[in-house]
């Protein structure tokens, strides 16, 4: 189950730098996680200051 980023994201970019496989990128409205690349490690969720990332 891949992780997802909710609308609570403030686009700070912290998660993008923490992802070990580069599955996170800036989307139109906020950062997005590519489910096909996500390895479900949870590193991004732990790093998110607004707790906008959770398991799908």
N, C-alpha and C. Protein backbone atom coordinates (compact mmCIF):
# COMPACT_ATOMS: atom_id res chain seq x y z
N UNK A 1 0.84 -1.17 0.00
CA UNK A 1 0.00 0.00 0.00
C UNK A 1 0.89 1.25 0.00
N UNK A 2 0.83 2.01 -1.03
CA UNK A 2 1.66 3.21 -1.17
C UNK A 2 1.18 4.32 -0.23
N UNK A 3 2.06 5.25 0.02
CA UNK A 3 1.71 6.41 0.83
C UNK A 3 1.11 7.48 -0.08
N UNK A 4 0.28 8.34 0.49
CA UNK A 4 -0.35 9.43 -0.24
C UNK A 4 -0.18 10.73 0.53
N UNK A 5 -0.22 11.84 -0.20
CA UNK A 5 -0.10 13.16 0.41
C UNK A 5 -1.45 13.86 0.30
N UNK A 6 -1.96 14.33 1.43
CA UNK A 6 -3.28 14.97 1.45
C UNK A 6 -3.18 16.46 1.11
N UNK A 7 -4.32 17.10 1.06
CA UNK A 7 -4.38 18.53 0.78
C UNK A 7 -3.83 19.37 1.93
N UNK A 8 -3.48 18.73 3.04
CA UNK A 8 -2.85 19.45 4.16
C UNK A 8 -1.40 19.83 3.85
N UNK A 9 -0.88 19.30 2.75
CA UNK A 9 0.50 19.57 2.33
C UNK A 9 0.68 21.07 2.06
N UNK A 10 1.77 21.63 2.60
CA UNK A 10 2.09 23.05 2.40
C UNK A 10 3.23 23.23 1.39
N UNK A 11 3.58 22.16 0.70
CA UNK A 11 4.63 22.17 -0.34
C UNK A 11 5.98 22.67 0.16
N UNK A 12 6.36 22.23 1.34
CA UNK A 12 7.66 22.64 1.90
C UNK A 12 8.82 21.88 1.25
N UNK A 13 8.54 20.69 0.71
CA UNK A 13 9.57 19.91 0.03
C UNK A 13 10.38 18.99 0.91
N UNK A 14 10.11 18.97 2.20
CA UNK A 14 10.88 18.12 3.12
C UNK A 14 10.81 16.66 2.71
N UNK A 15 9.65 16.19 2.36
CA UNK A 15 9.46 14.78 2.01
C UNK A 15 10.25 14.37 0.78
N UNK A 16 10.31 15.25 -0.20
CA UNK A 16 11.00 14.92 -1.45
C UNK A 16 12.46 14.56 -1.19
N UNK A 17 13.11 15.30 -0.34
CA UNK A 17 14.51 15.05 -0.03
C UNK A 17 14.73 13.81 0.82
N UNK A 18 13.72 13.38 1.53
CA UNK A 18 13.83 12.21 2.41
C UNK A 18 13.56 10.89 1.70
N UNK A 19 12.85 10.92 0.58
CA UNK A 19 12.47 9.67 -0.12
C UNK A 19 13.71 8.99 -0.70
N UNK A 20 13.99 7.75 -0.27
CA UNK A 20 15.20 7.06 -0.75
C UNK A 20 15.13 6.60 -2.20
N UNK A 21 13.93 6.58 -2.80
CA UNK A 21 13.81 6.11 -4.17
C UNK A 21 13.34 7.20 -5.14
N UNK A 22 13.20 8.42 -4.66
CA UNK A 22 12.81 9.53 -5.52
C UNK A 22 11.39 9.44 -6.05
N UNK A 23 10.47 8.91 -5.23
CA UNK A 23 9.09 8.72 -5.67
C UNK A 23 8.22 9.96 -5.47
N UNK A 24 8.77 11.01 -4.89
CA UNK A 24 8.00 12.22 -4.59
C UNK A 24 8.44 13.37 -5.48
N UNK A 25 7.43 14.07 -6.02
CA UNK A 25 7.73 15.24 -6.86
C UNK A 25 6.64 16.29 -6.68
N UNK A 26 6.95 17.52 -7.07
CA UNK A 26 5.98 18.61 -6.97
C UNK A 26 4.87 18.40 -7.98
N UNK A 27 3.64 18.40 -7.52
CA UNK A 27 2.48 18.29 -8.39
C UNK A 27 1.89 19.66 -8.64
N UNK A 28 0.72 19.70 -9.26
CA UNK A 28 0.07 20.98 -9.55
C UNK A 28 -0.31 21.74 -8.29
N UNK A 29 -0.88 21.04 -7.32
CA UNK A 29 -1.37 21.71 -6.11
C UNK A 29 -0.46 21.50 -4.90
N UNK A 30 0.17 20.34 -4.82
CA UNK A 30 1.10 20.02 -3.73
C UNK A 30 1.96 18.84 -4.17
N UNK A 31 2.85 18.41 -3.30
CA UNK A 31 3.72 17.28 -3.64
C UNK A 31 2.88 16.02 -3.81
N UNK A 32 3.37 15.10 -4.65
CA UNK A 32 2.67 13.86 -4.93
C UNK A 32 3.64 12.69 -4.86
N UNK A 33 3.12 11.52 -4.51
CA UNK A 33 3.93 10.30 -4.44
C UNK A 33 3.52 9.38 -5.59
N UNK A 34 4.51 8.92 -6.35
CA UNK A 34 4.27 7.97 -7.43
C UNK A 34 4.11 6.59 -6.80
N UNK A 35 2.88 6.08 -6.82
CA UNK A 35 2.58 4.80 -6.16
C UNK A 35 3.38 3.64 -6.74
N UNK A 36 3.74 3.71 -8.00
CA UNK A 36 4.50 2.63 -8.63
C UNK A 36 5.95 2.60 -8.16
N UNK A 37 6.46 3.73 -7.70
CA UNK A 37 7.85 3.81 -7.23
C UNK A 37 7.97 3.72 -5.72
N UNK A 38 6.90 4.02 -4.99
CA UNK A 38 6.92 4.02 -3.52
C UNK A 38 7.23 2.63 -2.98
N UNK A 39 8.19 2.56 -2.05
CA UNK A 39 8.55 1.27 -1.44
C UNK A 39 7.93 1.12 -0.04
N UNK A 40 7.05 2.05 0.31
CA UNK A 40 6.29 1.98 1.56
C UNK A 40 7.16 1.96 2.80
N UNK A 41 8.23 2.73 2.79
CA UNK A 41 9.14 2.75 3.94
C UNK A 41 8.67 3.69 5.05
N UNK A 42 7.85 4.70 4.71
CA UNK A 42 7.32 5.62 5.71
C UNK A 42 8.23 6.76 6.08
N UNK A 43 9.39 6.85 5.45
CA UNK A 43 10.34 7.92 5.76
C UNK A 43 9.72 9.29 5.51
N UNK A 44 8.98 9.42 4.44
CA UNK A 44 8.36 10.70 4.10
C UNK A 44 7.34 11.11 5.15
N UNK A 45 6.53 10.17 5.61
CA UNK A 45 5.50 10.46 6.61
C UNK A 45 6.13 10.93 7.92
N UNK A 46 7.22 10.31 8.29
CA UNK A 46 7.91 10.69 9.52
C UNK A 46 8.52 12.09 9.42
N UNK A 47 8.91 12.48 8.22
CA UNK A 47 9.56 13.78 8.02
C UNK A 47 8.58 14.94 7.83
N UNK A 48 7.34 14.64 7.48
CA UNK A 48 6.36 15.69 7.15
C UNK A 48 5.96 16.51 8.38
N UNK A 49 6.23 17.83 8.34
CA UNK A 49 5.91 18.67 9.50
C UNK A 49 4.41 18.92 9.69
N UNK A 50 3.59 18.68 8.66
CA UNK A 50 2.16 18.91 8.79
C UNK A 50 1.36 17.61 8.88
N UNK A 51 2.06 16.48 8.94
CA UNK A 51 1.43 15.16 9.01
C UNK A 51 0.44 14.94 7.86
N UNK A 52 0.82 15.43 6.66
CA UNK A 52 -0.04 15.32 5.48
C UNK A 52 0.15 14.02 4.72
N UNK A 53 1.06 13.16 5.17
CA UNK A 53 1.35 11.92 4.45
C UNK A 53 0.90 10.73 5.30
N UNK A 54 0.17 9.83 4.64
CA UNK A 54 -0.30 8.64 5.35
C UNK A 54 -0.36 7.46 4.38
N UNK A 55 -0.47 6.27 4.96
CA UNK A 55 -0.61 5.07 4.13
C UNK A 55 -1.99 5.11 3.48
N UNK A 56 -2.04 4.71 2.22
CA UNK A 56 -3.27 4.76 1.44
C UNK A 56 -4.32 3.84 1.99
